[in-house]
PDB file of all heavy atoms in Angstrom:
ATOM      1  N   ASP A   1      -0.758 -29.382  16.931  1.00  0.00           N
ATOM      2  CA  ASP A   1      -1.702 -29.609  18.051  1.00  0.00           C
ATOM      3  C   ASP A   1      -1.685 -28.541  19.138  1.00  0.00           C
ATOM      4  O   ASP A   1      -2.290 -28.724  20.160  1.00  0.00           O
ATOM      5  CB  ASP A   1      -1.432 -31.025  18.671  1.00  0.00           C
ATOM      6  CG  ASP A   1       0.031 -31.173  19.149  1.00  0.00           C
ATOM      7  OD1 ASP A   1       0.879 -30.482  18.796  1.00  0.00           O
ATOM      8  OD2 ASP A   1       0.155 -32.214  19.873  1.00  0.00           O
ATOM      9  N   VAL A   2      -0.941 -27.422  18.904  1.00  0.00           N
ATOM     10  CA  VAL A   2      -1.003 -26.325  19.888  1.00  0.00           C
ATOM     11  C   VAL A   2      -2.208 -25.443  19.588  1.00  0.00           C
ATOM     12  O   VAL A   2      -3.040 -25.643  18.660  1.00  0.00           O
ATOM     13  CB  VAL A   2       0.293 -25.571  19.862  1.00  0.00           C
ATOM     14  CG1 VAL A   2       1.426 -26.437  20.284  1.00  0.00           C
ATOM     15  CG2 VAL A   2       0.578 -24.803  18.632  1.00  0.00           C
ATOM     16  N   SER A   3      -2.361 -24.429  20.411  1.00  0.00           N
ATOM     17  CA  SER A   3      -3.535 -23.531  20.369  1.00  0.00           C
ATOM     18  C   SER A   3      -3.647 -22.792  19.089  1.00  0.00           C
ATOM     19  O   SER A   3      -2.700 -22.442  18.367  1.00  0.00           O
ATOM     20  CB  SER A   3      -3.593 -22.672  21.488  1.00  0.00           C
ATOM     21  OG  SER A   3      -2.730 -21.574  21.331  1.00  0.00           O
ATOM     22  N   GLY A   4      -4.931 -22.456  18.748  1.00  0.00           N
ATOM     23  CA  GLY A   4      -5.159 -21.623  17.544  1.00  0.00           C
ATOM     24  C   GLY A   4      -4.558 -20.263  17.591  1.00  0.00           C
ATOM     25  O   GLY A   4      -4.021 -19.685  16.598  1.00  0.00           O
ATOM     26  N   LEU A   5      -4.361 -19.623  18.764  1.00  0.00           N
ATOM     27  CA  LEU A   5      -3.724 -18.412  18.975  1.00  0.00           C
ATOM     28  C   LEU A   5      -2.302 -18.518  18.510  1.00  0.00           C
ATOM     29  O   LEU A   5      -1.760 -17.631  17.856  1.00  0.00           O
ATOM     30  CB  LEU A   5      -3.872 -17.889  20.325  1.00  0.00           C
ATOM     31  CG  LEU A   5      -5.198 -17.483  20.771  1.00  0.00           C
ATOM     32  CD1 LEU A   5      -5.335 -17.068  22.294  1.00  0.00           C
ATOM     33  CD2 LEU A   5      -5.693 -16.329  19.948  1.00  0.00           C
ATOM     34  N   GLU A   6      -1.572 -19.639  18.970  1.00  0.00           N
ATOM     35  CA  GLU A   6      -0.267 -19.847  18.504  1.00  0.00           C
ATOM     36  C   GLU A   6      -0.117 -19.900  17.009  1.00  0.00           C
ATOM     37  O   GLU A   6       0.792 -19.490  16.465  1.00  0.00           O
ATOM     38  CB  GLU A   6       0.393 -21.014  19.338  1.00  0.00           C
ATOM     39  CG  GLU A   6       0.582 -20.773  20.723  1.00  0.00           C
ATOM     40  CD  GLU A   6       1.032 -22.003  21.536  1.00  0.00           C
ATOM     41  OE1 GLU A   6       2.276 -22.184  21.480  1.00  0.00           O
ATOM     42  OE2 GLU A   6       0.321 -22.759  21.992  1.00  0.00           O
ATOM     43  N   HIS A   7      -1.070 -20.696  16.406  1.00  0.00           N
ATOM     44  CA  HIS A   7      -1.060 -20.709  14.937  1.00  0.00           C
ATOM     45  C   HIS A   7      -1.240 -19.436  14.298  1.00  0.00           C
ATOM     46  O   HIS A   7      -0.713 -19.136  13.181  1.00  0.00           O
ATOM     47  CB  HIS A   7      -2.147 -21.732  14.493  1.00  0.00           C
ATOM     48  CG  HIS A   7      -1.868 -23.149  14.968  1.00  0.00           C
ATOM     49  ND1 HIS A   7      -0.516 -23.725  14.948  1.00  0.00           N
ATOM     50  CD2 HIS A   7      -2.598 -24.188  15.389  1.00  0.00           C
ATOM     51  CE1 HIS A   7      -0.610 -24.883  15.336  1.00  0.00           C
ATOM     52  NE2 HIS A   7      -1.868 -25.263  15.638  1.00  0.00           N
ATOM     53  N   LEU A   8      -2.148 -18.562  14.812  1.00  0.00           N
ATOM     54  CA  LEU A   8      -2.298 -17.241  14.214  1.00  0.00           C
ATOM     55  C   LEU A   8      -0.981 -16.453  14.327  1.00  0.00           C
ATOM     56  O   LEU A   8      -0.642 -15.828  13.309  1.00  0.00           O
ATOM     57  CB  LEU A   8      -3.428 -16.427  15.012  1.00  0.00           C
ATOM     58  CG  LEU A   8      -4.850 -16.871  14.650  1.00  0.00           C
ATOM     59  CD1 LEU A   8      -5.759 -16.128  15.628  1.00  0.00           C
ATOM     60  CD2 LEU A   8      -5.176 -16.633  13.240  1.00  0.00           C
ATOM     61  N   ASP A   9      -0.267 -16.686  15.470  1.00  0.00           N
ATOM     62  CA  ASP A   9       1.057 -16.029  15.441  1.00  0.00           C
ATOM     63  C   ASP A   9       2.006 -16.588  14.456  1.00  0.00           C
ATOM     64  O   ASP A   9       2.844 -15.864  13.865  1.00  0.00           O
ATOM     65  CB  ASP A   9       1.600 -16.222  16.960  1.00  0.00           C
ATOM     66  CG  ASP A   9       2.863 -15.414  17.175  1.00  0.00           C
ATOM     67  OD1 ASP A   9       2.897 -14.242  16.857  1.00  0.00           O
ATOM     68  OD2 ASP A   9       3.837 -15.959  17.648  1.00  0.00           O
ATOM     69  N   MET A  10       1.855 -17.884  14.211  1.00  0.00           N
ATOM     70  CA  MET A  10       2.729 -18.539  13.230  1.00  0.00           C
ATOM     71  C   MET A  10       2.385 -17.884  11.865  1.00  0.00           C
ATOM     72  O   MET A  10       3.408 -17.667  11.053  1.00  0.00           O
ATOM     73  CB  MET A  10       2.449 -20.022  13.204  1.00  0.00           C
ATOM     74  CG  MET A  10       3.131 -20.726  12.065  1.00  0.00           C
ATOM     75  SD  MET A  10       2.596 -22.538  11.882  1.00  0.00           S
ATOM     76  CE  MET A  10       0.823 -22.347  11.521  1.00  0.00           C
ATOM     77  N   LEU A  11       1.190 -17.678  11.555  1.00  0.00           N
ATOM     78  CA  LEU A  11       0.744 -17.135  10.250  1.00  0.00           C
ATOM     79  C   LEU A  11       1.378 -15.732  10.030  1.00  0.00           C
ATOM     80  O   LEU A  11       1.772 -15.382   8.987  1.00  0.00           O
ATOM     81  CB  LEU A  11      -0.640 -17.207  10.025  1.00  0.00           C
ATOM     82  CG  LEU A  11      -1.382 -18.561  10.006  1.00  0.00           C
ATOM     83  CD1 LEU A  11      -2.871 -18.459   9.754  1.00  0.00           C
ATOM     84  CD2 LEU A  11      -0.696 -19.443   8.950  1.00  0.00           C
ATOM     85  N   MET A  12       1.353 -15.024  11.200  1.00  0.00           N
ATOM     86  CA  MET A  12       1.893 -13.640  11.079  1.00  0.00           C
ATOM     87  C   MET A  12       3.409 -13.656  10.872  1.00  0.00           C
ATOM     88  O   MET A  12       3.943 -12.847  10.163  1.00  0.00           O
ATOM     89  CB  MET A  12       1.547 -12.931  12.427  1.00  0.00           C
ATOM     90  CG  MET A  12       0.017 -12.440  12.450  1.00  0.00           C
ATOM     91  SD  MET A  12      -0.290 -11.475  13.881  1.00  0.00           S
ATOM     92  CE  MET A  12      -0.964 -12.722  15.017  1.00  0.00           C
ATOM     93  N   THR A  13       4.064 -14.609  11.553  1.00  0.00           N
ATOM     94  CA  THR A  13       5.471 -14.857  11.304  1.00  0.00           C
ATOM     95  C   THR A  13       5.732 -15.164   9.907  1.00  0.00           C
ATOM     96  O   THR A  13       6.669 -14.598   9.122  1.00  0.00           O
ATOM     97  CB  THR A  13       6.137 -16.016  12.249  1.00  0.00           C
ATOM     98  OG1 THR A  13       5.908 -15.555  13.628  1.00  0.00           O
ATOM     99  CG2 THR A  13       7.521 -16.248  11.930  1.00  0.00           C
ATOM    100  N   ARG A  14       4.896 -16.054   9.305  1.00  0.00           N
ATOM    101  CA  ARG A  14       5.084 -16.410   7.841  1.00  0.00           C
ATOM    102  C   ARG A  14       4.858 -15.212   6.973  1.00  0.00           C
ATOM    103  O   ARG A  14       5.591 -15.030   5.943  1.00  0.00           O
ATOM    104  CB  ARG A  14       4.135 -17.435   7.529  1.00  0.00           C
ATOM    105  CG  ARG A  14       4.104 -17.990   5.968  1.00  0.00           C
ATOM    106  CD  ARG A  14       5.540 -18.556   5.636  1.00  0.00           C
ATOM    107  NE  ARG A  14       5.592 -18.988   4.291  1.00  0.00           N
ATOM    108  CZ  ARG A  14       6.025 -18.190   3.341  1.00  0.00           C
ATOM    109  NH1 ARG A  14       6.250 -16.927   3.526  1.00  0.00           N
ATOM    110  NH2 ARG A  14       6.038 -18.637   2.111  1.00  0.00           N
ATOM    111  N   SER A  15       4.010 -14.390   7.296  1.00  0.00           N
ATOM    112  CA  SER A  15       3.768 -13.075   6.480  1.00  0.00           C
ATOM    113  C   SER A  15       5.032 -12.167   6.622  1.00  0.00           C
ATOM    114  O   SER A  15       5.369 -11.599   5.574  1.00  0.00           O
ATOM    115  CB  SER A  15       2.546 -12.335   6.985  1.00  0.00           C
ATOM    116  OG  SER A  15       1.374 -13.095   6.557  1.00  0.00           O
ATOM    117  N   ARG A  16       5.571 -12.143   7.803  1.00  0.00           N
ATOM    118  CA  ARG A  16       6.859 -11.231   7.974  1.00  0.00           C
ATOM    119  C   ARG A  16       8.044 -11.827   7.032  1.00  0.00           C
ATOM    120  O   ARG A  16       8.690 -11.099   6.448  1.00  0.00           O
ATOM    121  CB  ARG A  16       7.137 -11.146   9.360  1.00  0.00           C
ATOM    122  CG  ARG A  16       6.228 -10.223  10.172  1.00  0.00           C
ATOM    123  CD  ARG A  16       6.793  -9.852  11.538  1.00  0.00           C
ATOM    124  NE  ARG A  16       6.863 -10.993  12.415  1.00  0.00           N
ATOM    125  CZ  ARG A  16       5.798 -11.465  13.075  1.00  0.00           C
ATOM    126  NH1 ARG A  16       4.609 -10.893  13.103  1.00  0.00           N
ATOM    127  NH2 ARG A  16       6.050 -12.497  13.998  1.00  0.00           N
ATOM    128  N   ILE A  17       7.970 -13.198   7.017  1.00  0.00           N
ATOM    129  CA  ILE A  17       8.979 -13.844   6.174  1.00  0.00           C
ATOM    130  C   ILE A  17       8.731 -13.585   4.664  1.00  0.00           C
ATOM    131  O   ILE A  17       9.589 -13.183   3.970  1.00  0.00           O
ATOM    132  CB  ILE A  17       9.065 -15.349   6.522  1.00  0.00           C
ATOM    133  CG1 ILE A  17       9.627 -15.635   7.952  1.00  0.00           C
ATOM    134  CG2 ILE A  17       9.978 -16.000   5.471  1.00  0.00           C
ATOM    135  CD1 ILE A  17       9.401 -17.129   8.354  1.00  0.00           C
ATOM    136  N   GLY A  18       7.450 -13.627   4.331  1.00  0.00           N
ATOM    137  CA  GLY A  18       7.075 -13.446   2.976  1.00  0.00           C
ATOM    138  C   GLY A  18       7.381 -11.980   2.526  1.00  0.00           C
ATOM    139  O   GLY A  18       7.773 -11.765   1.412  1.00  0.00           O
ATOM    140  N   ALA A  19       7.241 -11.036   3.382  1.00  0.00           N
ATOM    141  CA  ALA A  19       7.584  -9.604   3.047  1.00  0.00           C
ATOM    142  C   ALA A  19       9.138  -9.503   2.904  1.00  0.00           C
ATOM    143  O   ALA A  19       9.528  -8.470   2.110  1.00  0.00           O
ATOM    144  CB  ALA A  19       7.103  -8.767   4.192  1.00  0.00           C
ATOM    145  N   GLN A  20       9.877 -10.405   3.307  1.00  0.00           N
ATOM    146  CA  GLN A  20      11.368 -10.306   3.115  1.00  0.00           C
ATOM    147  C   GLN A  20      11.884 -11.379   2.441  1.00  0.00           C
ATOM    148  O   GLN A  20      13.108 -11.703   2.327  1.00  0.00           O
ATOM    149  CB  GLN A  20      12.073 -10.262   4.630  1.00  0.00           C
ATOM    150  CG  GLN A  20      11.667  -9.116   5.379  1.00  0.00           C
ATOM    151  CD  GLN A  20      12.309  -9.198   6.781  1.00  0.00           C
ATOM    152  OE1 GLN A  20      13.480  -9.539   6.908  1.00  0.00           O
ATOM    153  NE2 GLN A  20      11.654  -8.776   7.811  1.00  0.00           N
ATOM    154  N   ARG A  21      11.032 -12.004   1.541  1.00  0.00           N
ATOM    155  CA  ARG A  21      11.531 -13.209   0.766  1.00  0.00           C
ATOM    156  C   ARG A  21      12.649 -13.063  -0.136  1.00  0.00           C
ATOM    157  O   ARG A  21      13.339 -13.969  -0.439  1.00  0.00           O
ATOM    158  CB  ARG A  21      10.240 -13.861   0.090  1.00  0.00           C
ATOM    159  CG  ARG A  21       9.693 -13.002  -1.060  1.00  0.00           C
ATOM    160  CD  ARG A  21       8.412 -13.505  -1.621  1.00  0.00           C
ATOM    161  NE  ARG A  21       7.827 -12.670  -2.529  1.00  0.00           N
ATOM    162  CZ  ARG A  21       7.088 -11.644  -2.249  1.00  0.00           C
ATOM    163  NH1 ARG A  21       6.887 -11.381  -1.026  1.00  0.00           N
ATOM    164  NH2 ARG A  21       6.562 -10.847  -3.201  1.00  0.00           N
ATOM    165  N   PHE A  22      12.868 -11.880  -0.620  1.00  0.00           N
ATOM    166  CA  PHE A  22      13.907 -11.607  -1.495  1.00  0.00           C
ATOM    167  C   PHE A  22      15.188 -11.515  -0.848  1.00  0.00           C
ATOM    168  O   PHE A  22      16.276 -11.452  -1.516  1.00  0.00           O
ATOM    169  CB  PHE A  22      13.689 -10.263  -2.408  1.00  0.00           C
ATOM    170  CG  PHE A  22      12.378 -10.331  -3.218  1.00  0.00           C
ATOM    171  CD1 PHE A  22      11.286  -9.643  -2.918  1.00  0.00           C
ATOM    172  CD2 PHE A  22      12.351 -11.340  -4.269  1.00  0.00           C
ATOM    173  CE1 PHE A  22      10.098  -9.752  -3.771  1.00  0.00           C
ATOM    174  CE2 PHE A  22      11.159 -11.533  -4.973  1.00  0.00           C
ATOM    175  CZ  PHE A  22      10.067 -10.702  -4.739  1.00  0.00           C
ATOM    176  N   GLU A  23      15.201 -11.485   0.464  1.00  0.00           N
ATOM    177  CA  GLU A  23      16.481 -11.366   1.251  1.00  0.00           C
ATOM    178  C   GLU A  23      16.931 -12.736   1.702  1.00  0.00           C
ATOM    179  O   GLU A  23      17.951 -12.922   2.257  1.00  0.00           O
ATOM    180  CB  GLU A  23      16.288 -10.515   2.444  1.00  0.00           C
ATOM    181  CG  GLU A  23      15.902  -9.033   2.109  1.00  0.00           C
ATOM    182  CD  GLU A  23      15.577  -8.189   3.375  1.00  0.00           C
ATOM    183  OE1 GLU A  23      16.153  -8.488   4.440  1.00  0.00           O
ATOM    184  OE2 GLU A  23      14.886  -7.237   3.254  1.00  0.00           O
ATOM    185  N   LEU A  24      16.094 -13.811   1.463  1.00  0.00           N
ATOM    186  CA  LEU A  24      16.499 -15.161   1.818  1.00  0.00           C
ATOM    187  C   LEU A  24      17.621 -15.677   0.955  1.00  0.00           C
ATOM    188  O   LEU A  24      17.647 -15.516  -0.285  1.00  0.00           O
ATOM    189  CB  LEU A  24      15.232 -16.048   1.747  1.00  0.00           C
ATOM    190  CG  LEU A  24      14.001 -15.782   2.588  1.00  0.00           C
ATOM    191  CD1 LEU A  24      12.882 -16.664   2.280  1.00  0.00           C
ATOM    192  CD2 LEU A  24      14.451 -16.047   4.022  1.00  0.00           C
ATOM    193  N   THR A  25      18.554 -16.472   1.688  1.00  0.00           N
ATOM    194  CA  THR A  25      19.557 -16.997   0.958  1.00  0.00           C
ATOM    195  C   THR A  25      19.000 -18.290   0.274  1.00  0.00           C
ATOM    196  O   THR A  25      17.919 -18.772   0.664  1.00  0.00           O
ATOM    197  CB  THR A  25      20.650 -17.499   1.968  1.00  0.00           C
ATOM    198  OG1 THR A  25      20.119 -18.532   2.892  1.00  0.00           O
ATOM    199  CG2 THR A  25      21.194 -16.336   2.771  1.00  0.00           C
ATOM    200  N   PRO A  26      19.589 -18.980  -0.624  1.00  0.00           N
ATOM    201  CA  PRO A  26      19.110 -20.200  -1.261  1.00  0.00           C
ATOM    202  C   PRO A  26      18.878 -21.320  -0.113  1.00  0.00           C
ATOM    203  O   PRO A  26      17.837 -22.003  -0.234  1.00  0.00           O
ATOM    204  CB  PRO A  26      20.198 -20.623  -2.138  1.00  0.00           C
ATOM    205  CG  PRO A  26      20.884 -19.373  -2.605  1.00  0.00           C
ATOM    206  CD  PRO A  26      20.806 -18.505  -1.341  1.00  0.00           C
ATOM    207  N   GLU A  27      19.701 -21.403   0.859  1.00  0.00           N
ATOM    208  CA  GLU A  27      19.522 -22.330   1.860  1.00  0.00           C
ATOM    209  C   GLU A  27      18.292 -22.045   2.714  1.00  0.00           C
ATOM    210  O   GLU A  27      17.446 -22.934   3.056  1.00  0.00           O
ATOM    211  CB  GLU A  27      20.821 -22.416   2.868  1.00  0.00           C
ATOM    212  CG  GLU A  27      20.689 -23.440   3.928  1.00  0.00           C
ATOM    213  CD  GLU A  27      20.259 -22.982   5.303  1.00  0.00           C
ATOM    214  OE1 GLU A  27      20.401 -21.723   5.450  1.00  0.00           O
ATOM    215  OE2 GLU A  27      19.849 -23.700   6.042  1.00  0.00           O
ATOM    216  N   GLN A  28      18.008 -20.732   3.022  1.00  0.00           N
ATOM    217  CA  GLN A  28      16.880 -20.367   3.683  1.00  0.00           C
ATOM    218  C   GLN A  28      15.560 -20.638   2.875  1.00  0.00           C
ATOM    219  O   GLN A  28      14.530 -20.963   3.433  1.00  0.00           O
ATOM    220  CB  GLN A  28      16.991 -18.900   4.140  1.00  0.00           C
ATOM    221  CG  GLN A  28      17.964 -18.558   5.195  1.00  0.00           C
ATOM    222  CD  GLN A  28      18.235 -17.083   5.467  1.00  0.00           C
ATOM    223  OE1 GLN A  28      18.243 -16.383   4.542  1.00  0.00           O
ATOM    224  NE2 GLN A  28      18.533 -16.802   6.753  1.00  0.00           N
ATOM    225  N   GLN A  29      15.668 -20.297   1.508  1.00  0.00           N
ATOM    226  CA  GLN A  29      14.517 -20.584   0.681  1.00  0.00           C
ATOM    227  C   GLN A  29      14.184 -22.023   0.726  1.00  0.00           C
ATOM    228  O   GLN A  29      12.938 -22.348   0.813  1.00  0.00           O
ATOM    229  CB  GLN A  29      14.837 -20.181  -0.701  1.00  0.00           C
ATOM    230  CG  GLN A  29      14.974 -18.741  -0.846  1.00  0.00           C
ATOM    231  CD  GLN A  29      15.496 -18.271  -2.335  1.00  0.00           C
ATOM    232  OE1 GLN A  29      15.755 -19.091  -3.124  1.00  0.00           O
ATOM    233  NE2 GLN A  29      15.665 -16.984  -2.496  1.00  0.00           N
TER     234      GLN A  29
END
């Protein structure tokens, strides 16, 4: 329920995580 701008930032964060997905530990995955 926060602003759309904050959600866009969230999607950018998710993309940065996706770019590093092979570095995630099993617990982080």
